[in-house]
PDBML (XML) file of the C-alpha atoms, coordinates in Angstrom:
<?xml version="1.0" encoding="UTF-8" ?>
<PDBx:datablock datablockName="MODEL"
   xmlns:PDBx="http://pdbml.pdb.org/schema/pdbx-v50.xsd"
   xmlns:xsi="http://www.w3.org/2001/XMLSchema-instance"
   xsi:schemaLocation="http://pdbml.pdb.org/schema/pdbx-v50.xsd pdbx-v50.xsd">
   <PDBx:atom_siteCategory>
      <PDBx:atom_site id="1">
         <PDBx:B_iso_or_equiv>0.00</PDBx:B_iso_or_equiv>
         <PDBx:Cartn_x>14.338</PDBx:Cartn_x>
         <PDBx:Cartn_y>6.488</PDBx:Cartn_y>
         <PDBx:Cartn_z>10.786</PDBx:Cartn_z>
         <PDBx:auth_asym_id>A</PDBx:auth_asym_id>
         <PDBx:auth_atom_id>CA</PDBx:auth_atom_id>
         <PDBx:auth_comp_id>ALA</PDBx:auth_comp_id>
         <PDBx:auth_seq_id>1</PDBx:auth_seq_id>
         <PDBx:group_PDB>ATOM</PDBx:group_PDB>
         <PDBx:label_alt_id xsi:nil="true" />
         <PDBx:label_asym_id>A</PDBx:label_asym_id>
         <PDBx:label_atom_id>CA</PDBx:label_atom_id>
         <PDBx:label_comp_id>ALA</PDBx:label_comp_id>
         <PDBx:label_entity_id>1</PDBx:label_entity_id>
         <PDBx:label_seq_id>1</PDBx:label_seq_id>
         <PDBx:occupancy>1.00</PDBx:occupancy>
         <PDBx:pdbx_PDB_model_num>1</PDBx:pdbx_PDB_model_num>
         <PDBx:type_symbol>C</PDBx:type_symbol>
      </PDBx:atom_site>
      <PDBx:atom_site id="2">
         <PDBx:B_iso_or_equiv>0.00</PDBx:B_iso_or_equiv>
         <PDBx:Cartn_x>16.094</PDBx:Cartn_x>
         <PDBx:Cartn_y>3.234</PDBx:Cartn_y>
         <PDBx:Cartn_z>9.869</PDBx:Cartn_z>
         <PDBx:auth_asym_id>A</PDBx:auth_asym_id>
         <PDBx:auth_atom_id>CA</PDBx:auth_atom_id>
         <PDBx:auth_comp_id>ALA</PDBx:auth_comp_id>
         <PDBx:auth_seq_id>2</PDBx:auth_seq_id>
         <PDBx:group_PDB>ATOM</PDBx:group_PDB>
         <PDBx:label_alt_id xsi:nil="true" />
         <PDBx:label_asym_id>A</PDBx:label_asym_id>
         <PDBx:label_atom_id>CA</PDBx:label_atom_id>
         <PDBx:label_comp_id>ALA</PDBx:label_comp_id>
         <PDBx:label_entity_id>1</PDBx:label_entity_id>
         <PDBx:label_seq_id>2</PDBx:label_seq_id>
         <PDBx:occupancy>1.00</PDBx:occupancy>
         <PDBx:pdbx_PDB_model_num>1</PDBx:pdbx_PDB_model_num>
         <PDBx:type_symbol>C</PDBx:type_symbol>
      </PDBx:atom_site>
      <PDBx:atom_site id="3">
         <PDBx:B_iso_or_equiv>0.00</PDBx:B_iso_or_equiv>
         <PDBx:Cartn_x>19.510</PDBx:Cartn_x>
         <PDBx:Cartn_y>4.719</PDBx:Cartn_y>
         <PDBx:Cartn_z>10.531</PDBx:Cartn_z>
         <PDBx:auth_asym_id>A</PDBx:auth_asym_id>
         <PDBx:auth_atom_id>CA</PDBx:auth_atom_id>
         <PDBx:auth_comp_id>GLU</PDBx:auth_comp_id>
         <PDBx:auth_seq_id>3</PDBx:auth_seq_id>
         <PDBx:group_PDB>ATOM</PDBx:group_PDB>
         <PDBx:label_alt_id xsi:nil="true" />
         <PDBx:label_asym_id>A</PDBx:label_asym_id>
         <PDBx:label_atom_id>CA</PDBx:label_atom_id>
         <PDBx:label_comp_id>GLU</PDBx:label_comp_id>
         <PDBx:label_entity_id>1</PDBx:label_entity_id>
         <PDBx:label_seq_id>3</PDBx:label_seq_id>
         <PDBx:occupancy>1.00</PDBx:occupancy>
         <PDBx:pdbx_PDB_model_num>1</PDBx:pdbx_PDB_model_num>
         <PDBx:type_symbol>C</PDBx:type_symbol>
      </PDBx:atom_site>
      <PDBx:atom_site id="4">
         <PDBx:B_iso_or_equiv>0.00</PDBx:B_iso_or_equiv>
         <PDBx:Cartn_x>18.560</PDBx:Cartn_x>
         <PDBx:Cartn_y>6.489</PDBx:Cartn_y>
         <PDBx:Cartn_z>13.740</PDBx:Cartn_z>
         <PDBx:auth_asym_id>A</PDBx:auth_asym_id>
         <PDBx:auth_atom_id>CA</PDBx:auth_atom_id>
         <PDBx:auth_comp_id>HIS</PDBx:auth_comp_id>
         <PDBx:auth_seq_id>4</PDBx:auth_seq_id>
         <PDBx:group_PDB>ATOM</PDBx:group_PDB>
         <PDBx:label_alt_id xsi:nil="true" />
         <PDBx:label_asym_id>A</PDBx:label_asym_id>
         <PDBx:label_atom_id>CA</PDBx:label_atom_id>
         <PDBx:label_comp_id>HIS</PDBx:label_comp_id>
         <PDBx:label_entity_id>1</PDBx:label_entity_id>
         <PDBx:label_seq_id>4</PDBx:label_seq_id>
         <PDBx:occupancy>1.00</PDBx:occupancy>
         <PDBx:pdbx_PDB_model_num>1</PDBx:pdbx_PDB_model_num>
         <PDBx:type_symbol>C</PDBx:type_symbol>
      </PDBx:atom_site>
      <PDBx:atom_site id="5">
         <PDBx:B_iso_or_equiv>0.00</PDBx:B_iso_or_equiv>
         <PDBx:Cartn_x>16.186</PDBx:Cartn_x>
         <PDBx:Cartn_y>4.455</PDBx:Cartn_y>
         <PDBx:Cartn_z>15.922</PDBx:Cartn_z>
         <PDBx:auth_asym_id>A</PDBx:auth_asym_id>
         <PDBx:auth_atom_id>CA</PDBx:auth_atom_id>
         <PDBx:auth_comp_id>PRO</PDBx:auth_comp_id>
         <PDBx:auth_seq_id>5</PDBx:auth_seq_id>
         <PDBx:group_PDB>ATOM</PDBx:group_PDB>
         <PDBx:label_alt_id xsi:nil="true" />
         <PDBx:label_asym_id>A</PDBx:label_asym_id>
         <PDBx:label_atom_id>CA</PDBx:label_atom_id>
         <PDBx:label_comp_id>PRO</PDBx:label_comp_id>
         <PDBx:label_entity_id>1</PDBx:label_entity_id>
         <PDBx:label_seq_id>5</PDBx:label_seq_id>
         <PDBx:occupancy>1.00</PDBx:occupancy>
         <PDBx:pdbx_PDB_model_num>1</PDBx:pdbx_PDB_model_num>
         <PDBx:type_symbol>C</PDBx:type_symbol>
      </PDBx:atom_site>
      <PDBx:atom_site id="6">
         <PDBx:B_iso_or_equiv>0.00</PDBx:B_iso_or_equiv>
         <PDBx:Cartn_x>15.549</PDBx:Cartn_x>
         <PDBx:Cartn_y>7.469</PDBx:Cartn_y>
         <PDBx:Cartn_z>18.146</PDBx:Cartn_z>
         <PDBx:auth_asym_id>A</PDBx:auth_asym_id>
         <PDBx:auth_atom_id>CA</PDBx:auth_atom_id>
         <PDBx:auth_comp_id>ARG</PDBx:auth_comp_id>
         <PDBx:auth_seq_id>6</PDBx:auth_seq_id>
         <PDBx:group_PDB>ATOM</PDBx:group_PDB>
         <PDBx:label_alt_id xsi:nil="true" />
         <PDBx:label_asym_id>A</PDBx:label_asym_id>
         <PDBx:label_atom_id>CA</PDBx:label_atom_id>
         <PDBx:label_comp_id>ARG</PDBx:label_comp_id>
         <PDBx:label_entity_id>1</PDBx:label_entity_id>
         <PDBx:label_seq_id>6</PDBx:label_seq_id>
         <PDBx:occupancy>1.00</PDBx:occupancy>
         <PDBx:pdbx_PDB_model_num>1</PDBx:pdbx_PDB_model_num>
         <PDBx:type_symbol>C</PDBx:type_symbol>
      </PDBx:atom_site>
      <PDBx:atom_site id="7">
         <PDBx:B_iso_or_equiv>0.00</PDBx:B_iso_or_equiv>
         <PDBx:Cartn_x>13.711</PDBx:Cartn_x>
         <PDBx:Cartn_y>9.014</PDBx:Cartn_y>
         <PDBx:Cartn_z>15.222</PDBx:Cartn_z>
         <PDBx:auth_asym_id>A</PDBx:auth_asym_id>
         <PDBx:auth_atom_id>CA</PDBx:auth_atom_id>
         <PDBx:auth_comp_id>MET</PDBx:auth_comp_id>
         <PDBx:auth_seq_id>7</PDBx:auth_seq_id>
         <PDBx:group_PDB>ATOM</PDBx:group_PDB>
         <PDBx:label_alt_id xsi:nil="true" />
         <PDBx:label_asym_id>A</PDBx:label_asym_id>
         <PDBx:label_atom_id>CA</PDBx:label_atom_id>
         <PDBx:label_comp_id>MET</PDBx:label_comp_id>
         <PDBx:label_entity_id>1</PDBx:label_entity_id>
         <PDBx:label_seq_id>7</PDBx:label_seq_id>
         <PDBx:occupancy>1.00</PDBx:occupancy>
         <PDBx:pdbx_PDB_model_num>1</PDBx:pdbx_PDB_model_num>
         <PDBx:type_symbol>C</PDBx:type_symbol>
      </PDBx:atom_site>
      <PDBx:atom_site id="8">
         <PDBx:B_iso_or_equiv>0.00</PDBx:B_iso_or_equiv>
         <PDBx:Cartn_x>10.680</PDBx:Cartn_x>
         <PDBx:Cartn_y>7.046</PDBx:Cartn_y>
         <PDBx:Cartn_z>14.208</PDBx:Cartn_z>
         <PDBx:auth_asym_id>A</PDBx:auth_asym_id>
         <PDBx:auth_atom_id>CA</PDBx:auth_atom_id>
         <PDBx:auth_comp_id>ARG</PDBx:auth_comp_id>
         <PDBx:auth_seq_id>8</PDBx:auth_seq_id>
         <PDBx:group_PDB>ATOM</PDBx:group_PDB>
         <PDBx:label_alt_id xsi:nil="true" />
         <PDBx:label_asym_id>A</PDBx:label_asym_id>
         <PDBx:label_atom_id>CA</PDBx:label_atom_id>
         <PDBx:label_comp_id>ARG</PDBx:label_comp_id>
         <PDBx:label_entity_id>1</PDBx:label_entity_id>
         <PDBx:label_seq_id>8</PDBx:label_seq_id>
         <PDBx:occupancy>1.00</PDBx:occupancy>
         <PDBx:pdbx_PDB_model_num>1</PDBx:pdbx_PDB_model_num>
         <PDBx:type_symbol>C</PDBx:type_symbol>
      </PDBx:atom_site>
      <PDBx:atom_site id="9">
         <PDBx:B_iso_or_equiv>0.00</PDBx:B_iso_or_equiv>
         <PDBx:Cartn_x>7.771</PDBx:Cartn_x>
         <PDBx:Cartn_y>7.484</PDBx:Cartn_y>
         <PDBx:Cartn_z>11.869</PDBx:Cartn_z>
         <PDBx:auth_asym_id>A</PDBx:auth_asym_id>
         <PDBx:auth_atom_id>CA</PDBx:auth_atom_id>
         <PDBx:auth_comp_id>LEU</PDBx:auth_comp_id>
         <PDBx:auth_seq_id>9</PDBx:auth_seq_id>
         <PDBx:group_PDB>ATOM</PDBx:group_PDB>
         <PDBx:label_alt_id xsi:nil="true" />
         <PDBx:label_asym_id>A</PDBx:label_asym_id>
         <PDBx:label_atom_id>CA</PDBx:label_atom_id>
         <PDBx:label_comp_id>LEU</PDBx:label_comp_id>
         <PDBx:label_entity_id>1</PDBx:label_entity_id>
         <PDBx:label_seq_id>9</PDBx:label_seq_id>
         <PDBx:occupancy>1.00</PDBx:occupancy>
         <PDBx:pdbx_PDB_model_num>1</PDBx:pdbx_PDB_model_num>
         <PDBx:type_symbol>C</PDBx:type_symbol>
      </PDBx:atom_site>
      <PDBx:atom_site id="10">
         <PDBx:B_iso_or_equiv>0.00</PDBx:B_iso_or_equiv>
         <PDBx:Cartn_x>4.564</PDBx:Cartn_x>
         <PDBx:Cartn_y>7.529</PDBx:Cartn_y>
         <PDBx:Cartn_z>13.835</PDBx:Cartn_z>
         <PDBx:auth_asym_id>A</PDBx:auth_asym_id>
         <PDBx:auth_atom_id>CA</PDBx:auth_atom_id>
         <PDBx:auth_comp_id>THR</PDBx:auth_comp_id>
         <PDBx:auth_seq_id>10</PDBx:auth_seq_id>
         <PDBx:group_PDB>ATOM</PDBx:group_PDB>
         <PDBx:label_alt_id xsi:nil="true" />
         <PDBx:label_asym_id>A</PDBx:label_asym_id>
         <PDBx:label_atom_id>CA</PDBx:label_atom_id>
         <PDBx:label_comp_id>THR</PDBx:label_comp_id>
         <PDBx:label_entity_id>1</PDBx:label_entity_id>
         <PDBx:label_seq_id>10</PDBx:label_seq_id>
         <PDBx:occupancy>1.00</PDBx:occupancy>
         <PDBx:pdbx_PDB_model_num>1</PDBx:pdbx_PDB_model_num>
         <PDBx:type_symbol>C</PDBx:type_symbol>
      </PDBx:atom_site>
      <PDBx:atom_site id="11">
         <PDBx:B_iso_or_equiv>0.00</PDBx:B_iso_or_equiv>
         <PDBx:Cartn_x>2.174</PDBx:Cartn_x>
         <PDBx:Cartn_y>7.014</PDBx:Cartn_y>
         <PDBx:Cartn_z>10.916</PDBx:Cartn_z>
         <PDBx:auth_asym_id>A</PDBx:auth_asym_id>
         <PDBx:auth_atom_id>CA</PDBx:auth_atom_id>
         <PDBx:auth_comp_id>ASN</PDBx:auth_comp_id>
         <PDBx:auth_seq_id>11</PDBx:auth_seq_id>
         <PDBx:group_PDB>ATOM</PDBx:group_PDB>
         <PDBx:label_alt_id xsi:nil="true" />
         <PDBx:label_asym_id>A</PDBx:label_asym_id>
         <PDBx:label_atom_id>CA</PDBx:label_atom_id>
         <PDBx:label_comp_id>ASN</PDBx:label_comp_id>
         <PDBx:label_entity_id>1</PDBx:label_entity_id>
         <PDBx:label_seq_id>11</PDBx:label_seq_id>
         <PDBx:occupancy>1.00</PDBx:occupancy>
         <PDBx:pdbx_PDB_model_num>1</PDBx:pdbx_PDB_model_num>
         <PDBx:type_symbol>C</PDBx:type_symbol>
      </PDBx:atom_site>
      <PDBx:atom_site id="12">
         <PDBx:B_iso_or_equiv>0.00</PDBx:B_iso_or_equiv>
         <PDBx:Cartn_x>4.264</PDBx:Cartn_x>
         <PDBx:Cartn_y>5.195</PDBx:Cartn_y>
         <PDBx:Cartn_z>8.325</PDBx:Cartn_z>
         <PDBx:auth_asym_id>A</PDBx:auth_asym_id>
         <PDBx:auth_atom_id>CA</PDBx:auth_atom_id>
         <PDBx:auth_comp_id>GLU</PDBx:auth_comp_id>
         <PDBx:auth_seq_id>12</PDBx:auth_seq_id>
         <PDBx:group_PDB>ATOM</PDBx:group_PDB>
         <PDBx:label_alt_id xsi:nil="true" />
         <PDBx:label_asym_id>A</PDBx:label_asym_id>
         <PDBx:label_atom_id>CA</PDBx:label_atom_id>
         <PDBx:label_comp_id>GLU</PDBx:label_comp_id>
         <PDBx:label_entity_id>1</PDBx:label_entity_id>
         <PDBx:label_seq_id>12</PDBx:label_seq_id>
         <PDBx:occupancy>1.00</PDBx:occupancy>
         <PDBx:pdbx_PDB_model_num>1</PDBx:pdbx_PDB_model_num>
         <PDBx:type_symbol>C</PDBx:type_symbol>
      </PDBx:atom_site>
      <PDBx:atom_site id="13">
         <PDBx:B_iso_or_equiv>0.00</PDBx:B_iso_or_equiv>
         <PDBx:Cartn_x>1.487</PDBx:Cartn_x>
         <PDBx:Cartn_y>2.730</PDBx:Cartn_y>
         <PDBx:Cartn_z>7.504</PDBx:Cartn_z>
         <PDBx:auth_asym_id>A</PDBx:auth_asym_id>
         <PDBx:auth_atom_id>CA</PDBx:auth_atom_id>
         <PDBx:auth_comp_id>THR</PDBx:auth_comp_id>
         <PDBx:auth_seq_id>13</PDBx:auth_seq_id>
         <PDBx:group_PDB>ATOM</PDBx:group_PDB>
         <PDBx:label_alt_id xsi:nil="true" />
         <PDBx:label_asym_id>A</PDBx:label_asym_id>
         <PDBx:label_atom_id>CA</PDBx:label_atom_id>
         <PDBx:label_comp_id>THR</PDBx:label_comp_id>
         <PDBx:label_entity_id>1</PDBx:label_entity_id>
         <PDBx:label_seq_id>13</PDBx:label_seq_id>
         <PDBx:occupancy>1.00</PDBx:occupancy>
         <PDBx:pdbx_PDB_model_num>1</PDBx:pdbx_PDB_model_num>
         <PDBx:type_symbol>C</PDBx:type_symbol>
      </PDBx:atom_site>
      <PDBx:atom_site id="14">
         <PDBx:B_iso_or_equiv>0.00</PDBx:B_iso_or_equiv>
         <PDBx:Cartn_x>-1.082</PDBx:Cartn_x>
         <PDBx:Cartn_y>5.474</PDBx:Cartn_y>
         <PDBx:Cartn_z>6.877</PDBx:Cartn_z>
         <PDBx:auth_asym_id>A</PDBx:auth_asym_id>
         <PDBx:auth_atom_id>CA</PDBx:auth_atom_id>
         <PDBx:auth_comp_id>GLU</PDBx:auth_comp_id>
         <PDBx:auth_seq_id>14</PDBx:auth_seq_id>
         <PDBx:group_PDB>ATOM</PDBx:group_PDB>
         <PDBx:label_alt_id xsi:nil="true" />
         <PDBx:label_asym_id>A</PDBx:label_asym_id>
         <PDBx:label_atom_id>CA</PDBx:label_atom_id>
         <PDBx:label_comp_id>GLU</PDBx:label_comp_id>
         <PDBx:label_entity_id>1</PDBx:label_entity_id>
         <PDBx:label_seq_id>14</PDBx:label_seq_id>
         <PDBx:occupancy>1.00</PDBx:occupancy>
         <PDBx:pdbx_PDB_model_num>1</PDBx:pdbx_PDB_model_num>
         <PDBx:type_symbol>C</PDBx:type_symbol>
      </PDBx:atom_site>
      <PDBx:atom_site id="15">
         <PDBx:B_iso_or_equiv>0.00</PDBx:B_iso_or_equiv>
         <PDBx:Cartn_x>1.258</PDBx:Cartn_x>
         <PDBx:Cartn_y>7.518</PDBx:Cartn_y>
         <PDBx:Cartn_z>4.662</PDBx:Cartn_z>
         <PDBx:auth_asym_id>A</PDBx:auth_asym_id>
         <PDBx:auth_atom_id>CA</PDBx:auth_atom_id>
         <PDBx:auth_comp_id>VAL</PDBx:auth_comp_id>
         <PDBx:auth_seq_id>15</PDBx:auth_seq_id>
         <PDBx:group_PDB>ATOM</PDBx:group_PDB>
         <PDBx:label_alt_id xsi:nil="true" />
         <PDBx:label_asym_id>A</PDBx:label_asym_id>
         <PDBx:label_atom_id>CA</PDBx:label_atom_id>
         <PDBx:label_comp_id>VAL</PDBx:label_comp_id>
         <PDBx:label_entity_id>1</PDBx:label_entity_id>
         <PDBx:label_seq_id>15</PDBx:label_seq_id>
         <PDBx:occupancy>1.00</PDBx:occupancy>
         <PDBx:pdbx_PDB_model_num>1</PDBx:pdbx_PDB_model_num>
         <PDBx:type_symbol>C</PDBx:type_symbol>
      </PDBx:atom_site>
      <PDBx:atom_site id="16">
         <PDBx:B_iso_or_equiv>0.00</PDBx:B_iso_or_equiv>
         <PDBx:Cartn_x>2.264</PDBx:Cartn_x>
         <PDBx:Cartn_y>4.432</PDBx:Cartn_y>
         <PDBx:Cartn_z>2.686</PDBx:Cartn_z>
         <PDBx:auth_asym_id>A</PDBx:auth_asym_id>
         <PDBx:auth_atom_id>CA</PDBx:auth_atom_id>
         <PDBx:auth_comp_id>ASP</PDBx:auth_comp_id>
         <PDBx:auth_seq_id>16</PDBx:auth_seq_id>
         <PDBx:group_PDB>ATOM</PDBx:group_PDB>
         <PDBx:label_alt_id xsi:nil="true" />
         <PDBx:label_asym_id>A</PDBx:label_asym_id>
         <PDBx:label_atom_id>CA</PDBx:label_atom_id>
         <PDBx:label_comp_id>ASP</PDBx:label_comp_id>
         <PDBx:label_entity_id>1</PDBx:label_entity_id>
         <PDBx:label_seq_id>16</PDBx:label_seq_id>
         <PDBx:occupancy>1.00</PDBx:occupancy>
         <PDBx:pdbx_PDB_model_num>1</PDBx:pdbx_PDB_model_num>
         <PDBx:type_symbol>C</PDBx:type_symbol>
      </PDBx:atom_site>
      <PDBx:atom_site id="17">
         <PDBx:B_iso_or_equiv>0.00</PDBx:B_iso_or_equiv>
         <PDBx:Cartn_x>-1.396</PDBx:Cartn_x>
         <PDBx:Cartn_y>3.512</PDBx:Cartn_y>
         <PDBx:Cartn_z>2.188</PDBx:Cartn_z>
         <PDBx:auth_asym_id>A</PDBx:auth_asym_id>
         <PDBx:auth_atom_id>CA</PDBx:auth_atom_id>
         <PDBx:auth_comp_id>ALA</PDBx:auth_comp_id>
         <PDBx:auth_seq_id>17</PDBx:auth_seq_id>
         <PDBx:group_PDB>ATOM</PDBx:group_PDB>
         <PDBx:label_alt_id xsi:nil="true" />
         <PDBx:label_asym_id>A</PDBx:label_asym_id>
         <PDBx:label_atom_id>CA</PDBx:label_atom_id>
         <PDBx:label_comp_id>ALA</PDBx:label_comp_id>
         <PDBx:label_entity_id>1</PDBx:label_entity_id>
         <PDBx:label_seq_id>17</PDBx:label_seq_id>
         <PDBx:occupancy>1.00</PDBx:occupancy>
         <PDBx:pdbx_PDB_model_num>1</PDBx:pdbx_PDB_model_num>
         <PDBx:type_symbol>C</PDBx:type_symbol>
      </PDBx:atom_site>
      <PDBx:atom_site id="18">
         <PDBx:B_iso_or_equiv>0.00</PDBx:B_iso_or_equiv>
         <PDBx:Cartn_x>-2.254</PDBx:Cartn_x>
         <PDBx:Cartn_y>7.069</PDBx:Cartn_y>
         <PDBx:Cartn_z>1.068</PDBx:Cartn_z>
         <PDBx:auth_asym_id>A</PDBx:auth_asym_id>
         <PDBx:auth_atom_id>CA</PDBx:auth_atom_id>
         <PDBx:auth_comp_id>ALA</PDBx:auth_comp_id>
         <PDBx:auth_seq_id>18</PDBx:auth_seq_id>
         <PDBx:group_PDB>ATOM</PDBx:group_PDB>
         <PDBx:label_alt_id xsi:nil="true" />
         <PDBx:label_asym_id>A</PDBx:label_asym_id>
         <PDBx:label_atom_id>CA</PDBx:label_atom_id>
         <PDBx:label_comp_id>ALA</PDBx:label_comp_id>
         <PDBx:label_entity_id>1</PDBx:label_entity_id>
         <PDBx:label_seq_id>18</PDBx:label_seq_id>
         <PDBx:occupancy>1.00</PDBx:occupancy>
         <PDBx:pdbx_PDB_model_num>1</PDBx:pdbx_PDB_model_num>
         <PDBx:type_symbol>C</PDBx:type_symbol>
      </PDBx:atom_site>
      <PDBx:atom_site id="19">
         <PDBx:B_iso_or_equiv>0.00</PDBx:B_iso_or_equiv>
         <PDBx:Cartn_x>0.578</PDBx:Cartn_x>
         <PDBx:Cartn_y>7.071</PDBx:Cartn_y>
         <PDBx:Cartn_z>-1.472</PDBx:Cartn_z>
         <PDBx:auth_asym_id>A</PDBx:auth_asym_id>
         <PDBx:auth_atom_id>CA</PDBx:auth_atom_id>
         <PDBx:auth_comp_id>ILE</PDBx:auth_comp_id>
         <PDBx:auth_seq_id>19</PDBx:auth_seq_id>
         <PDBx:group_PDB>ATOM</PDBx:group_PDB>
         <PDBx:label_alt_id xsi:nil="true" />
         <PDBx:label_asym_id>A</PDBx:label_asym_id>
         <PDBx:label_atom_id>CA</PDBx:label_atom_id>
         <PDBx:label_comp_id>ILE</PDBx:label_comp_id>
         <PDBx:label_entity_id>1</PDBx:label_entity_id>
         <PDBx:label_seq_id>19</PDBx:label_seq_id>
         <PDBx:occupancy>1.00</PDBx:occupancy>
         <PDBx:pdbx_PDB_model_num>1</PDBx:pdbx_PDB_model_num>
         <PDBx:type_symbol>C</PDBx:type_symbol>
      </PDBx:atom_site>
      <PDBx:atom_site id="20">
         <PDBx:B_iso_or_equiv>0.00</PDBx:B_iso_or_equiv>
         <PDBx:Cartn_x>-0.448</PDBx:Cartn_x>
         <PDBx:Cartn_y>3.677</PDBx:Cartn_y>
         <PDBx:Cartn_z>-2.840</PDBx:Cartn_z>
         <PDBx:auth_asym_id>A</PDBx:auth_asym_id>
         <PDBx:auth_atom_id>CA</PDBx:auth_atom_id>
         <PDBx:auth_comp_id>LYS</PDBx:auth_comp_id>
         <PDBx:auth_seq_id>20</PDBx:auth_seq_id>
         <PDBx:group_PDB>ATOM</PDBx:group_PDB>
         <PDBx:label_alt_id xsi:nil="true" />
         <PDBx:label_asym_id>A</PDBx:label_asym_id>
         <PDBx:label_atom_id>CA</PDBx:label_atom_id>
         <PDBx:label_comp_id>LYS</PDBx:label_comp_id>
         <PDBx:label_entity_id>1</PDBx:label_entity_id>
         <PDBx:label_seq_id>20</PDBx:label_seq_id>
         <PDBx:occupancy>1.00</PDBx:occupancy>
         <PDBx:pdbx_PDB_model_num>1</PDBx:pdbx_PDB_model_num>
         <PDBx:type_symbol>C</PDBx:type_symbol>
      </PDBx:atom_site>
      <PDBx:atom_site id="21">
         <PDBx:B_iso_or_equiv>0.00</PDBx:B_iso_or_equiv>
         <PDBx:Cartn_x>-4.072</PDBx:Cartn_x>
         <PDBx:Cartn_y>4.798</PDBx:Cartn_y>
         <PDBx:Cartn_z>-3.081</PDBx:Cartn_z>
         <PDBx:auth_asym_id>A</PDBx:auth_asym_id>
         <PDBx:auth_atom_id>CA</PDBx:auth_atom_id>
         <PDBx:auth_comp_id>GLN</PDBx:auth_comp_id>
         <PDBx:auth_seq_id>21</PDBx:auth_seq_id>
         <PDBx:group_PDB>ATOM</PDBx:group_PDB>
         <PDBx:label_alt_id xsi:nil="true" />
         <PDBx:label_asym_id>A</PDBx:label_asym_id>
         <PDBx:label_atom_id>CA</PDBx:label_atom_id>
         <PDBx:label_comp_id>GLN</PDBx:label_comp_id>
         <PDBx:label_entity_id>1</PDBx:label_entity_id>
         <PDBx:label_seq_id>21</PDBx:label_seq_id>
         <PDBx:occupancy>1.00</PDBx:occupancy>
         <PDBx:pdbx_PDB_model_num>1</PDBx:pdbx_PDB_model_num>
         <PDBx:type_symbol>C</PDBx:type_symbol>
      </PDBx:atom_site>
      <PDBx:atom_site id="22">
         <PDBx:B_iso_or_equiv>0.00</PDBx:B_iso_or_equiv>
         <PDBx:Cartn_x>-3.086</PDBx:Cartn_x>
         <PDBx:Cartn_y>7.929</PDBx:Cartn_y>
         <PDBx:Cartn_z>-5.008</PDBx:Cartn_z>
         <PDBx:auth_asym_id>A</PDBx:auth_asym_id>
         <PDBx:auth_atom_id>CA</PDBx:auth_atom_id>
         <PDBx:auth_comp_id>LEU</PDBx:auth_comp_id>
         <PDBx:auth_seq_id>22</PDBx:auth_seq_id>
         <PDBx:group_PDB>ATOM</PDBx:group_PDB>
         <PDBx:label_alt_id xsi:nil="true" />
         <PDBx:label_asym_id>A</PDBx:label_asym_id>
         <PDBx:label_atom_id>CA</PDBx:label_atom_id>
         <PDBx:label_comp_id>LEU</PDBx:label_comp_id>
         <PDBx:label_entity_id>1</PDBx:label_entity_id>
         <PDBx:label_seq_id>22</PDBx:label_seq_id>
         <PDBx:occupancy>1.00</PDBx:occupancy>
         <PDBx:pdbx_PDB_model_num>1</PDBx:pdbx_PDB_model_num>
         <PDBx:type_symbol>C</PDBx:type_symbol>
      </PDBx:atom_site>
      <PDBx:atom_site id="23">
         <PDBx:B_iso_or_equiv>0.00</PDBx:B_iso_or_equiv>
         <PDBx:Cartn_x>-0.916</PDBx:Cartn_x>
         <PDBx:Cartn_y>5.840</PDBx:Cartn_y>
         <PDBx:Cartn_z>-7.334</PDBx:Cartn_z>
         <PDBx:auth_asym_id>A</PDBx:auth_asym_id>
         <PDBx:auth_atom_id>CA</PDBx:auth_atom_id>
         <PDBx:auth_comp_id>GLU</PDBx:auth_comp_id>
         <PDBx:auth_seq_id>23</PDBx:auth_seq_id>
         <PDBx:group_PDB>ATOM</PDBx:group_PDB>
         <PDBx:label_alt_id xsi:nil="true" />
         <PDBx:label_asym_id>A</PDBx:label_asym_id>
         <PDBx:label_atom_id>CA</PDBx:label_atom_id>
         <PDBx:label_comp_id>GLU</PDBx:label_comp_id>
         <PDBx:label_entity_id>1</PDBx:label_entity_id>
         <PDBx:label_seq_id>23</PDBx:label_seq_id>
         <PDBx:occupancy>1.00</PDBx:occupancy>
         <PDBx:pdbx_PDB_model_num>1</PDBx:pdbx_PDB_model_num>
         <PDBx:type_symbol>C</PDBx:type_symbol>
      </PDBx:atom_site>
      <PDBx:atom_site id="24">
         <PDBx:B_iso_or_equiv>0.00</PDBx:B_iso_or_equiv>
         <PDBx:Cartn_x>-3.863</PDBx:Cartn_x>
         <PDBx:Cartn_y>3.551</PDBx:Cartn_y>
         <PDBx:Cartn_z>-8.059</PDBx:Cartn_z>
         <PDBx:auth_asym_id>A</PDBx:auth_asym_id>
         <PDBx:auth_atom_id>CA</PDBx:auth_atom_id>
         <PDBx:auth_comp_id>GLN</PDBx:auth_comp_id>
         <PDBx:auth_seq_id>24</PDBx:auth_seq_id>
         <PDBx:group_PDB>ATOM</PDBx:group_PDB>
         <PDBx:label_alt_id xsi:nil="true" />
         <PDBx:label_asym_id>A</PDBx:label_asym_id>
         <PDBx:label_atom_id>CA</PDBx:label_atom_id>
         <PDBx:label_comp_id>GLN</PDBx:label_comp_id>
         <PDBx:label_entity_id>1</PDBx:label_entity_id>
         <PDBx:label_seq_id>24</PDBx:label_seq_id>
         <PDBx:occupancy>1.00</PDBx:occupancy>
         <PDBx:pdbx_PDB_model_num>1</PDBx:pdbx_PDB_model_num>
         <PDBx:type_symbol>C</PDBx:type_symbol>
      </PDBx:atom_site>
      <PDBx:atom_site id="25">
         <PDBx:B_iso_or_equiv>0.00</PDBx:B_iso_or_equiv>
         <PDBx:Cartn_x>-6.239</PDBx:Cartn_x>
         <PDBx:Cartn_y>6.484</PDBx:Cartn_y>
         <PDBx:Cartn_z>-8.553</PDBx:Cartn_z>
         <PDBx:auth_asym_id>A</PDBx:auth_asym_id>
         <PDBx:auth_atom_id>CA</PDBx:auth_atom_id>
         <PDBx:auth_comp_id>ASP</PDBx:auth_comp_id>
         <PDBx:auth_seq_id>25</PDBx:auth_seq_id>
         <PDBx:group_PDB>ATOM</PDBx:group_PDB>
         <PDBx:label_alt_id xsi:nil="true" />
         <PDBx:label_asym_id>A</PDBx:label_asym_id>
         <PDBx:label_atom_id>CA</PDBx:label_atom_id>
         <PDBx:label_comp_id>ASP</PDBx:label_comp_id>
         <PDBx:label_entity_id>1</PDBx:label_entity_id>
         <PDBx:label_seq_id>25</PDBx:label_seq_id>
         <PDBx:occupancy>1.00</PDBx:occupancy>
         <PDBx:pdbx_PDB_model_num>1</PDBx:pdbx_PDB_model_num>
         <PDBx:type_symbol>C</PDBx:type_symbol>
      </PDBx:atom_site>
   </PDBx:atom_siteCategory>
</PDBx:datablock>
């Protein structure tokens, strides 16, 4: 997504939060 602006992550914040939550758990 960073290299190709036409492709973007629509829920990057939610996925990042889910990963961090699982790491903490």
